[in-house]
PDB file of all heavy atoms in Angstrom:
ATOM      1  N   ARG A   1       0.803  -1.200   0.008  1.00  0.00           N
ATOM      2  CA  ARG A   1      -0.001  -0.011   0.012  1.00  0.00           C
ATOM      3  C   ARG A   1       0.834   1.249  -0.007  1.00  0.00           C
ATOM      4  O   ARG A   1       0.570   2.216  -0.695  1.00  0.00           O
ATOM      5  CB  ARG A   1      -0.943   0.015   1.154  1.00  0.00           C
ATOM      6  CG  ARG A   1      -1.837   1.191   1.251  1.00  0.00           C
ATOM      7  CD  ARG A   1      -2.767   1.132   2.448  1.00  0.00           C
ATOM      8  NE  ARG A   1      -3.943   0.243   2.193  1.00  0.00           N
ATOM      9  CZ  ARG A   1      -4.787  -0.165   3.128  1.00  0.00           C
ATOM     10  NH1 ARG A   1      -4.612   0.161   4.384  1.00  0.00           N
ATOM     11  NH2 ARG A   1      -5.838  -0.919   2.810  1.00  0.00           N
ATOM     12  N   THR A   2       1.891   1.246   0.804  1.00  0.00           N
ATOM     13  CA  THR A   2       2.788   2.461   0.878  1.00  0.00           C
ATOM     14  C   THR A   2       3.759   2.503  -0.332  1.00  0.00           C
ATOM     15  O   THR A   2       4.355   3.523  -0.550  1.00  0.00           O
ATOM     16  CB  THR A   2       3.582   2.444   2.116  1.00  0.00           C
ATOM     17  OG1 THR A   2       4.484   1.315   2.146  1.00  0.00           O
ATOM     18  CG2 THR A   2       2.705   2.382   3.402  1.00  0.00           C
ATOM     19  N   ALA A   3       3.862   1.408  -1.052  1.00  0.00           N
ATOM     20  CA  ALA A   3       4.865   1.198  -2.100  1.00  0.00           C
ATOM     21  C   ALA A   3       6.263   1.213  -1.541  1.00  0.00           C
ATOM     22  O   ALA A   3       7.230   1.371  -2.307  1.00  0.00           O
ATOM     23  CB  ALA A   3       4.731   2.313  -3.178  1.00  0.00           C
ATOM     24  N   LEU A   4       6.390   0.947  -0.270  1.00  0.00           N
ATOM     25  CA  LEU A   4       7.731   0.849   0.346  1.00  0.00           C
ATOM     26  C   LEU A   4       8.478  -0.395  -0.206  1.00  0.00           C
ATOM     27  O   LEU A   4       9.643  -0.308  -0.521  1.00  0.00           O
ATOM     28  CB  LEU A   4       7.648   0.717   1.861  1.00  0.00           C
ATOM     29  CG  LEU A   4       8.915   0.701   2.668  1.00  0.00           C
ATOM     30  CD1 LEU A   4       9.644   2.022   2.477  1.00  0.00           C
ATOM     31  CD2 LEU A   4       8.579   0.511   4.125  1.00  0.00           C
ATOM     32  N   ALA A   5       7.704  -1.478  -0.375  1.00  0.00           N
ATOM     33  CA  ALA A   5       8.304  -2.690  -1.027  1.00  0.00           C
ATOM     34  C   ALA A   5       7.183  -3.497  -1.672  1.00  0.00           C
ATOM     35  O   ALA A   5       6.724  -4.513  -1.117  1.00  0.00           O
ATOM     36  CB  ALA A   5       9.002  -3.511   0.038  1.00  0.00           C
ATOM     37  N   PRO A   6       6.692  -3.013  -2.805  1.00  0.00           N
ATOM     38  CA  PRO A   6       5.624  -3.736  -3.481  1.00  0.00           C
ATOM     39  C   PRO A   6       6.016  -5.127  -3.974  1.00  0.00           C
ATOM     40  O   PRO A   6       7.175  -5.351  -4.390  1.00  0.00           O
ATOM     41  CB  PRO A   6       5.240  -2.797  -4.652  1.00  0.00           C
ATOM     42  CG  PRO A   6       6.497  -2.044  -4.914  1.00  0.00           C
ATOM     43  CD  PRO A   6       7.146  -1.869  -3.544  1.00  0.00           C
ATOM     44  N   GLY A   7       5.124  -6.045  -3.889  1.00  0.00           N
ATOM     45  CA  GLY A   7       5.420  -7.415  -4.354  1.00  0.00           C
ATOM     46  C   GLY A   7       4.150  -8.229  -4.422  1.00  0.00           C
ATOM     47  O   GLY A   7       3.193  -7.995  -3.699  1.00  0.00           O
ATOM     48  N   LYS A   8       4.161  -9.222  -5.288  1.00  0.00           N
ATOM     49  CA  LYS A   8       2.971 -10.065  -5.451  1.00  0.00           C
ATOM     50  C   LYS A   8       2.955 -11.198  -4.455  1.00  0.00           C
ATOM     51  O   LYS A   8       1.883 -11.821  -4.238  1.00  0.00           O
ATOM     52  CB  LYS A   8       2.957 -10.643  -6.913  1.00  0.00           C
ATOM     53  CG  LYS A   8       2.743  -9.599  -7.967  1.00  0.00           C
ATOM     54  CD  LYS A   8       2.739 -10.253  -9.366  1.00  0.00           C
ATOM     55  CE  LYS A   8       2.519  -9.197 -10.414  1.00  0.00           C
ATOM     56  NZ  LYS A   8       2.500  -9.859 -11.821  1.00  0.00           N
ATOM     57  N   THR A   9       4.093 -11.481  -3.869  1.00  0.00           N
ATOM     58  CA  THR A   9       4.158 -12.601  -2.894  1.00  0.00           C
ATOM     59  C   THR A   9       4.796 -12.096  -1.592  1.00  0.00           C
ATOM     60  O   THR A   9       5.557 -11.083  -1.604  1.00  0.00           O
ATOM     61  CB  THR A   9       4.968 -13.787  -3.425  1.00  0.00           C
ATOM     62  OG1 THR A   9       6.342 -13.349  -3.563  1.00  0.00           O
ATOM     63  CG2 THR A   9       4.432 -14.240  -4.778  1.00  0.00           C
ATOM     64  N   PRO A  10       4.560 -12.761  -0.483  1.00  0.00           N
ATOM     65  CA  PRO A  10       5.226 -12.392   0.787  1.00  0.00           C
ATOM     66  C   PRO A  10       6.755 -12.374   0.643  1.00  0.00           C
ATOM     67  O   PRO A  10       7.436 -11.519   1.189  1.00  0.00           O
ATOM     68  CB  PRO A  10       4.790 -13.443   1.749  1.00  0.00           C
ATOM     69  CG  PRO A  10       3.440 -13.828   1.271  1.00  0.00           C
ATOM     70  CD  PRO A  10       3.551 -13.850  -0.229  1.00  0.00           C
ATOM     71  N   LEU A  11       7.304 -13.332  -0.117  1.00  0.00           N
ATOM     72  CA  LEU A  11       8.736 -13.379  -0.323  1.00  0.00           C
ATOM     73  C   LEU A  11       9.263 -12.140  -1.032  1.00  0.00           C
ATOM     74  O   LEU A  11      10.297 -11.577  -0.675  1.00  0.00           O
ATOM     75  CB  LEU A  11       9.191 -14.627  -1.080  1.00  0.00           C
ATOM     76  CG  LEU A  11      10.658 -14.836  -1.290  1.00  0.00           C
ATOM     77  CD1 LEU A  11      11.428 -14.840   0.058  1.00  0.00           C
ATOM     78  CD2 LEU A  11      10.928 -16.108  -2.080  1.00  0.00           C
ATOM     79  N   GLU A  12       8.543 -11.699  -2.074  1.00  0.00           N
ATOM     80  CA  GLU A  12       8.943 -10.491  -2.795  1.00  0.00           C
ATOM     81  C   GLU A  12       8.973  -9.280  -1.853  1.00  0.00           C
ATOM     82  O   GLU A  12       9.879  -8.438  -1.918  1.00  0.00           O
ATOM     83  CB  GLU A  12       8.004 -10.217  -3.969  1.00  0.00           C
ATOM     84  CG  GLU A  12       8.247 -11.135  -5.172  1.00  0.00           C
ATOM     85  CD  GLU A  12       7.316 -10.759  -6.326  1.00  0.00           C
ATOM     86  OE1 GLU A  12       6.770  -9.628  -6.353  1.00  0.00           O
ATOM     87  OE2 GLU A  12       7.144 -11.568  -7.264  1.00  0.00           O
ATOM     88  N   VAL A  13       7.942  -9.171  -1.048  1.00  0.00           N
ATOM     89  CA  VAL A  13       7.854  -8.058  -0.108  1.00  0.00           C
ATOM     90  C   VAL A  13       8.971  -8.194   0.946  1.00  0.00           C
ATOM     91  O   VAL A  13       9.593  -7.163   1.284  1.00  0.00           O
ATOM     92  CB  VAL A  13       6.496  -7.986   0.613  1.00  0.00           C
ATOM     93  CG1 VAL A  13       6.468  -6.968   1.711  1.00  0.00           C
ATOM     94  CG2 VAL A  13       5.359  -7.698  -0.418  1.00  0.00           C
ATOM     95  N   GLU A  14       9.169  -9.370   1.465  1.00  0.00           N
ATOM     96  CA  GLU A  14      10.295  -9.579   2.413  1.00  0.00           C
ATOM     97  C   GLU A  14      11.639  -9.143   1.856  1.00  0.00           C
ATOM     98  O   GLU A  14      12.382  -8.364   2.505  1.00  0.00           O
ATOM     99  CB  GLU A  14      10.357 -11.079   2.776  1.00  0.00           C
ATOM    100  CG  GLU A  14      11.519 -11.409   3.691  1.00  0.00           C
ATOM    101  CD  GLU A  14      11.682 -12.917   3.907  1.00  0.00           C
ATOM    102  OE1 GLU A  14      10.687 -13.662   3.733  1.00  0.00           O
ATOM    103  OE2 GLU A  14      12.783 -13.408   4.178  1.00  0.00           O
ATOM    104  N   LEU A  15      11.961  -9.603   0.681  1.00  0.00           N
ATOM    105  CA  LEU A  15      13.278  -9.253   0.079  1.00  0.00           C
ATOM    106  C   LEU A  15      13.341  -7.767  -0.249  1.00  0.00           C
ATOM    107  O   LEU A  15      14.400  -7.153  -0.119  1.00  0.00           O
ATOM    108  CB  LEU A  15      13.514 -10.105  -1.166  1.00  0.00           C
ATOM    109  CG  LEU A  15      13.540 -11.608  -0.930  1.00  0.00           C
ATOM    110  CD1 LEU A  15      13.754 -12.338  -2.253  1.00  0.00           C
ATOM    111  CD2 LEU A  15      14.663 -11.965   0.052  1.00  0.00           C
ATOM    112  N   GLY A  16      12.211  -7.180  -0.652  1.00  0.00           N
ATOM    113  CA  GLY A  16      12.192  -5.757  -0.958  1.00  0.00           C
ATOM    114  C   GLY A  16      12.422  -4.932   0.267  1.00  0.00           C
ATOM    115  O   GLY A  16      13.178  -3.940   0.242  1.00  0.00           O
ATOM    116  N   LEU A  17      11.768  -5.298   1.427  1.00  0.00           N
ATOM    117  CA  LEU A  17      12.009  -4.544   2.660  1.00  0.00           C
ATOM    118  C   LEU A  17      13.419  -4.707   3.165  1.00  0.00           C
ATOM    119  O   LEU A  17      14.021  -3.741   3.605  1.00  0.00           O
ATOM    120  CB  LEU A  17      10.990  -5.081   3.723  1.00  0.00           C
ATOM    121  CG  LEU A  17       9.496  -4.674   3.468  1.00  0.00           C
ATOM    122  CD1 LEU A  17       8.613  -5.446   4.427  1.00  0.00           C
ATOM    123  CD2 LEU A  17       9.351  -3.192   3.632  1.00  0.00           C
ATOM    124  N   GLU A  18      13.968  -5.923   3.069  1.00  0.00           N
ATOM    125  CA  GLU A  18      15.334  -6.127   3.495  1.00  0.00           C
ATOM    126  C   GLU A  18      16.323  -5.275   2.699  1.00  0.00           C
ATOM    127  O   GLU A  18      17.372  -4.821   3.211  1.00  0.00           O
ATOM    128  CB  GLU A  18      15.696  -7.612   3.414  1.00  0.00           C
ATOM    129  CG  GLU A  18      15.043  -8.459   4.445  1.00  0.00           C
ATOM    130  CD  GLU A  18      15.463  -9.920   4.359  1.00  0.00           C
ATOM    131  OE1 GLU A  18      16.001 -10.284   3.295  1.00  0.00           O
ATOM    132  OE2 GLU A  18      15.212 -10.684   5.296  1.00  0.00           O
ATOM    133  N   LYS A  19      15.945  -5.036   1.469  1.00  0.00           N
ATOM    134  CA  LYS A  19      16.822  -4.223   0.548  1.00  0.00           C
ATOM    135  C   LYS A  19      16.857  -2.765   0.892  1.00  0.00           C
ATOM    136  O   LYS A  19      17.904  -2.108   0.805  1.00  0.00           O
ATOM    137  CB  LYS A  19      16.387  -4.459  -0.876  1.00  0.00           C
ATOM    138  CG  LYS A  19      17.287  -3.824  -1.924  1.00  0.00           C
ATOM    139  CD  LYS A  19      16.796  -4.119  -3.299  1.00  0.00           C
ATOM    140  CE  LYS A  19      17.646  -3.437  -4.389  1.00  0.00           C
ATOM    141  NZ  LYS A  19      17.186  -3.775  -5.764  1.00  0.00           N
ATOM    142  N   VAL A  20      15.710  -2.237   1.319  1.00  0.00           N
ATOM    143  CA  VAL A  20      15.645  -0.812   1.531  1.00  0.00           C
ATOM    144  C   VAL A  20      15.757  -0.319   2.962  1.00  0.00           C
ATOM    145  O   VAL A  20      16.116   0.843   3.192  1.00  0.00           O
ATOM    146  CB  VAL A  20      14.299  -0.211   0.954  1.00  0.00           C
ATOM    147  CG1 VAL A  20      14.206  -0.544  -0.555  1.00  0.00           C
ATOM    148  CG2 VAL A  20      13.057  -0.779   1.678  1.00  0.00           C
ATOM    149  N   ILE A  21      15.493  -1.189   3.939  1.00  0.00           N
ATOM    150  CA  ILE A  21      15.521  -0.764   5.351  1.00  0.00           C
ATOM    151  C   ILE A  21      16.958  -0.761   5.856  1.00  0.00           C
ATOM    152  O   ILE A  21      17.625  -1.795   5.777  1.00  0.00           O
ATOM    153  CB  ILE A  21      14.680  -1.674   6.255  1.00  0.00           C
ATOM    154  CG1 ILE A  21      13.211  -1.602   5.753  1.00  0.00           C
ATOM    155  CG2 ILE A  21      14.740  -1.234   7.672  1.00  0.00           C
ATOM    156  CD1 ILE A  21      12.282  -2.591   6.501  1.00  0.00           C
ATOM    157  N   PRO A  22      17.421   0.324   6.414  1.00  0.00           N
ATOM    158  CA  PRO A  22      18.812   0.366   6.959  1.00  0.00           C
ATOM    159  C   PRO A  22      18.986  -0.665   8.089  1.00  0.00           C
ATOM    160  O   PRO A  22      18.040  -0.950   8.842  1.00  0.00           O
ATOM    161  CB  PRO A  22      18.914   1.787   7.484  1.00  0.00           C
ATOM    162  CG  PRO A  22      17.926   2.597   6.707  1.00  0.00           C
ATOM    163  CD  PRO A  22      16.771   1.659   6.440  1.00  0.00           C
ATOM    164  N   ASP A  23      20.175  -1.208   8.157  1.00  0.00           N
ATOM    165  CA  ASP A  23      20.403  -2.302   9.122  1.00  0.00           C
ATOM    166  C   ASP A  23      20.153  -1.891  10.560  1.00  0.00           C
ATOM    167  O   ASP A  23      19.726  -2.742  11.354  1.00  0.00           O
ATOM    168  CB  ASP A  23      21.879  -2.736   8.978  1.00  0.00           C
ATOM    169  CG  ASP A  23      22.188  -4.006   9.781  1.00  0.00           C
ATOM    170  OD1 ASP A  23      21.559  -5.048   9.411  1.00  0.00           O
ATOM    171  OD2 ASP A  23      22.961  -3.947  10.728  1.00  0.00           O
ATOM    172  N   GLU A  24      20.326  -0.640  10.895  1.00  0.00           N
ATOM    173  CA  GLU A  24      20.103  -0.197  12.295  1.00  0.00           C
ATOM    174  C   GLU A  24      18.671  -0.334  12.702  1.00  0.00           C
ATOM    175  O   GLU A  24      18.393  -0.360  13.971  1.00  0.00           O
ATOM    176  CB  GLU A  24      20.558   1.253  12.454  1.00  0.00           C
ATOM    177  CG  GLU A  24      19.717   2.276  11.699  1.00  0.00           C
ATOM    178  CD  GLU A  24      20.144   3.683  12.003  1.00  0.00           C
ATOM    179  OE1 GLU A  24      19.779   4.248  13.033  1.00  0.00           O
ATOM    180  OE2 GLU A  24      20.819   4.287  11.124  1.00  0.00           O
ATOM    181  N   PHE A  25      17.756  -0.461  11.760  1.00  0.00           N
ATOM    182  CA  PHE A  25      16.322  -0.590  12.130  1.00  0.00           C
ATOM    183  C   PHE A  25      15.828  -2.013  12.008  1.00  0.00           C
ATOM    184  O   PHE A  25      14.685  -2.310  12.405  1.00  0.00           O
ATOM    185  CB  PHE A  25      15.497   0.310  11.233  1.00  0.00           C
ATOM    186  CG  PHE A  25      15.780   1.761  11.313  1.00  0.00           C
ATOM    187  CD1 PHE A  25      16.405   2.439  10.279  1.00  0.00           C
ATOM    188  CD2 PHE A  25      15.465   2.501  12.448  1.00  0.00           C
ATOM    189  CE1 PHE A  25      16.688   3.789  10.322  1.00  0.00           C
ATOM    190  CE2 PHE A  25      15.739   3.856  12.554  1.00  0.00           C
ATOM    191  CZ  PHE A  25      16.367   4.496  11.494  1.00  0.00           C
ATOM    192  N   MET A  26      16.603  -2.940  11.466  1.00  0.00           N
ATOM    193  CA  MET A  26      16.117  -4.251  11.108  1.00  0.00           C
ATOM    194  C   MET A  26      15.661  -5.108  12.294  1.00  0.00           C
ATOM    195  O   MET A  26      14.804  -5.974  12.126  1.00  0.00           O
ATOM    196  CB  MET A  26      17.135  -4.977  10.241  1.00  0.00           C
ATOM    197  CG  MET A  26      17.080  -4.603   8.773  1.00  0.00           C
ATOM    198  SD  MET A  26      15.492  -4.975   7.973  1.00  0.00           S
ATOM    199  CE  MET A  26      15.388  -6.744   8.119  1.00  0.00           C
ATOM    200  N   LEU A  27      16.306  -4.943  13.414  1.00  0.00           N
ATOM    201  CA  LEU A  27      15.916  -5.756  14.578  1.00  0.00           C
ATOM    202  C   LEU A  27      14.406  -5.636  14.900  1.00  0.00           C
ATOM    203  O   LEU A  27      13.739  -6.612  15.223  1.00  0.00           O
ATOM    204  CB  LEU A  27      16.764  -5.475  15.802  1.00  0.00           C
ATOM    205  CG  LEU A  27      16.453  -6.261  17.067  1.00  0.00           C
ATOM    206  CD1 LEU A  27      16.663  -7.747  16.840  1.00  0.00           C
ATOM    207  CD2 LEU A  27      17.269  -5.793  18.254  1.00  0.00           C
ATOM    208  N   HIS A  28      13.943  -4.394  14.834  1.00  0.00           N
ATOM    209  CA  HIS A  28      12.519  -4.164  15.240  1.00  0.00           C
ATOM    210  C   HIS A  28      11.634  -3.846  14.008  1.00  0.00           C
ATOM    211  O   HIS A  28      10.415  -3.608  14.189  1.00  0.00           O
ATOM    212  CB  HIS A  28      12.459  -2.975  16.214  1.00  0.00           C
ATOM    213  CG  HIS A  28      13.164  -3.233  17.505  1.00  0.00           C
ATOM    214  ND1 HIS A  28      12.943  -4.358  18.237  1.00  0.00           N
ATOM    215  CD2 HIS A  28      14.079  -2.467  18.163  1.00  0.00           C
ATOM    216  CE1 HIS A  28      13.683  -4.290  19.354  1.00  0.00           C
ATOM    217  NE2 HIS A  28      14.388  -3.190  19.320  1.00  0.00           N
ATOM    218  N   ALA A  29      12.163  -3.799  12.823  1.00  0.00           N
ATOM    219  CA  ALA A  29      11.412  -3.351  11.659  1.00  0.00           C
ATOM    220  C   ALA A  29      10.124  -4.128  11.436  1.00  0.00           C
ATOM    221  O   ALA A  29       9.041  -3.559  11.179  1.00  0.00           O
ATOM    222  CB  ALA A  29      12.243  -3.436  10.366  1.00  0.00           C
ATOM    223  N   HIS A  30      10.165  -5.478  11.573  1.00  0.00           N
ATOM    224  CA  HIS A  30       8.944  -6.215  11.273  1.00  0.00           C
ATOM    225  C   HIS A  30       7.867  -5.988  12.356  1.00  0.00           C
ATOM    226  O   HIS A  30       6.685  -5.988  12.048  1.00  0.00           O
ATOM    227  CB  HIS A  30       9.237  -7.692  11.049  1.00  0.00           C
ATOM    228  CG  HIS A  30       9.047  -8.621  12.211  1.00  0.00           C
ATOM    229  ND1 HIS A  30      10.028  -8.920  13.083  1.00  0.00           N
ATOM    230  CD2 HIS A  30       7.950  -9.284  12.607  1.00  0.00           C
ATOM    231  CE1 HIS A  30       9.555  -9.770  13.980  1.00  0.00           C
ATOM    232  NE2 HIS A  30       8.307  -9.981  13.696  1.00  0.00           N
ATOM    233  N   HIS A  31       8.313  -5.714  13.540  1.00  0.00           N
ATOM    234  CA  HIS A  31       7.300  -5.385  14.598  1.00  0.00           C
ATOM    235  C   HIS A  31       6.643  -4.046  14.347  1.00  0.00           C
ATOM    236  O   HIS A  31       5.431  -3.874  14.495  1.00  0.00           O
ATOM    237  CB  HIS A  31       7.984  -5.373  15.992  1.00  0.00           C
ATOM    238  CG  HIS A  31       8.231  -6.762  16.536  1.00  0.00           C
ATOM    239  ND1 HIS A  31       9.424  -7.164  17.045  1.00  0.00           N
ATOM    240  CD2 HIS A  31       7.405  -7.801  16.664  1.00  0.00           C
ATOM    241  CE1 HIS A  31       9.346  -8.416  17.438  1.00  0.00           C
ATOM    242  NE2 HIS A  31       8.148  -8.847  17.231  1.00  0.00           N
ATOM    243  N   TRP A  32       7.437  -3.053  13.987  1.00  0.00           N
ATOM    244  CA  TRP A  32       6.844  -1.759  13.665  1.00  0.00           C
ATOM    245  C   TRP A  32       5.884  -1.872  12.537  1.00  0.00           C
ATOM    246  O   TRP A  32       4.768  -1.272  12.604  1.00  0.00           O
ATOM    247  CB  TRP A  32       7.959  -0.758  13.315  1.00  0.00           C
ATOM    248  CG  TRP A  32       8.803  -0.239  14.474  1.00  0.00           C
ATOM    249  CD1 TRP A  32       8.293   0.104  15.736  1.00  0.00           C
ATOM    250  CD2 TRP A  32      10.174  -0.068  14.501  1.00  0.00           C
ATOM    251  NE1 TRP A  32       9.333   0.518  16.518  1.00  0.00           N
ATOM    252  CE2 TRP A  32      10.506   0.434  15.817  1.00  0.00           C
ATOM    253  CE3 TRP A  32      11.209  -0.206  13.588  1.00  0.00           C
ATOM    254  CZ2 TRP A  32      11.798   0.797  16.176  1.00  0.00           C
ATOM    255  CZ3 TRP A  32      12.497   0.141  13.986  1.00  0.00           C
ATOM    256  CH2 TRP A  32      12.787   0.619  15.271  1.00  0.00           C
ATOM    257  N   LEU A  33       6.209  -2.613  11.487  1.00  0.00           N
ATOM    258  CA  LEU A  33       5.319  -2.718  10.327  1.00  0.00           C
ATOM    259  C   LEU A  33       4.040  -3.536  10.713  1.00  0.00           C
ATOM    260  O   LEU A  33       2.953  -3.221  10.237  1.00  0.00           O
ATOM    261  CB  LEU A  33       6.065  -3.365   9.189  1.00  0.00           C
ATOM    262  CG  LEU A  33       7.174  -2.492   8.588  1.00  0.00           C
ATOM    263  CD1 LEU A  33       7.955  -3.287   7.546  1.00  0.00           C
ATOM    264  CD2 LEU A  33       6.616  -1.210   7.942  1.00  0.00           C
ATOM    265  N   ILE A  34       4.203  -4.586  11.458  1.00  0.00           N
ATOM    266  CA  ILE A  34       3.034  -5.383  11.908  1.00  0.00           C
ATOM    267  C   ILE A  34       2.108  -4.524  12.719  1.00  0.00           C
ATOM    268  O   ILE A  34       0.857  -4.487  12.466  1.00  0.00           O
ATOM    269  CB  ILE A  34       3.464  -6.612  12.719  1.00  0.00           C
ATOM    270  CG1 ILE A  34       4.119  -7.695  11.802  1.00  0.00           C
ATOM    271  CG2 ILE A  34       2.257  -7.200  13.471  1.00  0.00           C
ATOM    272  CD1 ILE A  34       4.739  -8.828  12.572  1.00  0.00           C
ATOM    273  N   LEU A  35       2.649  -3.814  13.673  1.00  0.00           N
ATOM    274  CA  LEU A  35       1.787  -2.956  14.564  1.00  0.00           C
ATOM    275  C   LEU A  35       1.126  -1.852  13.769  1.00  0.00           C
ATOM    276  O   LEU A  35      -0.011  -1.477  14.042  1.00  0.00           O
ATOM    277  CB  LEU A  35       2.589  -2.400  15.724  1.00  0.00           C
ATOM    278  CG  LEU A  35       3.161  -3.477  16.691  1.00  0.00           C
ATOM    279  CD1 LEU A  35       4.100  -2.816  17.671  1.00  0.00           C
ATOM    280  CD2 LEU A  35       2.017  -4.137  17.464  1.00  0.00           C
ATOM    281  N   HIS A  36       1.916  -1.291  12.810  1.00  0.00           N
ATOM    282  CA  HIS A  36       1.340  -0.207  11.962  1.00  0.00           C
ATOM    283  C   HIS A  36       0.166  -0.770  11.137  1.00  0.00           C
ATOM    284  O   HIS A  36      -0.898  -0.115  11.048  1.00  0.00           O
ATOM    285  CB  HIS A  36       2.429   0.283  11.052  1.00  0.00           C
ATOM    286  CG  HIS A  36       1.969   1.520  10.245  1.00  0.00           C
ATOM    287  ND1 HIS A  36       1.641   2.707  10.888  1.00  0.00           N
ATOM    288  CD2 HIS A  36       1.799   1.692   8.912  1.00  0.00           C
ATOM    289  CE1 HIS A  36       1.331   3.570   9.908  1.00  0.00           C
ATOM    290  NE2 HIS A  36       1.375   2.986   8.748  1.00  0.00           N
ATOM    291  N   GLY A  37       0.308  -1.968  10.553  1.00  0.00           N
ATOM    292  CA  GLY A  37      -0.796  -2.587   9.794  1.00  0.00           C
ATOM    293  C   GLY A  37      -1.918  -3.010  10.662  1.00  0.00           C
ATOM    294  O   GLY A  37      -3.110  -2.954  10.242  1.00  0.00           O
ATOM    295  N   ARG A  38      -1.628  -3.421  11.866  1.00  0.00           N
ATOM    296  CA  ARG A  38      -2.726  -3.968  12.737  1.00  0.00           C
ATOM    297  C   ARG A  38      -3.573  -2.840  13.364  1.00  0.00           C
ATOM    298  O   ARG A  38      -4.775  -3.013  13.531  1.00  0.00           O
ATOM    299  CB  ARG A  38      -2.083  -4.823  13.869  1.00  0.00           C
ATOM    300  CG  ARG A  38      -3.098  -5.435  14.819  1.00  0.00           C
ATOM    301  CD  ARG A  38      -2.360  -6.389  15.760  1.00  0.00           C
ATOM    302  NE  ARG A  38      -1.849  -7.562  15.076  1.00  0.00           N
ATOM    303  CZ  ARG A  38      -0.991  -8.400  15.559  1.00  0.00           C
ATOM    304  NH1 ARG A  38      -0.438  -8.184  16.755  1.00  0.00           N
ATOM    305  NH2 ARG A  38      -0.623  -9.490  14.869  1.00  0.00           N
ATOM    306  N   TYR A  39      -2.958  -1.682  13.639  1.00  0.00           N
ATOM    307  CA  TYR A  39      -3.670  -0.648  14.400  1.00  0.00           C
ATOM    308  C   TYR A  39      -3.889   0.639  13.657  1.00  0.00           C
ATOM    309  O   TYR A  39      -4.704   1.442  14.032  1.00  0.00           O
ATOM    310  CB  TYR A  39      -2.959  -0.368  15.711  1.00  0.00           C
ATOM    311  CG  TYR A  39      -2.922  -1.591  16.627  1.00  0.00           C
ATOM    312  CD1 TYR A  39      -1.731  -2.196  16.908  1.00  0.00           C
ATOM    313  CD2 TYR A  39      -4.062  -2.107  17.182  1.00  0.00           C
ATOM    314  CE1 TYR A  39      -1.713  -3.357  17.737  1.00  0.00           C
ATOM    315  CE2 TYR A  39      -4.070  -3.216  17.977  1.00  0.00           C
ATOM    316  CZ  TYR A  39      -2.885  -3.845  18.236  1.00  0.00           C
ATOM    317  OH  TYR A  39      -2.854  -4.976  19.028  1.00  0.00           O
TER     318      TYR A  39
END
């Protein structure tokens, strides 16, 4: 939706996010995105 990492499959989105998110944020990145989508 945000076009941060568009993809047709979860794997495409996963690899796209890993490519663009700086390493310093990666430990918590999936939690931030899950909570953002959930709430």
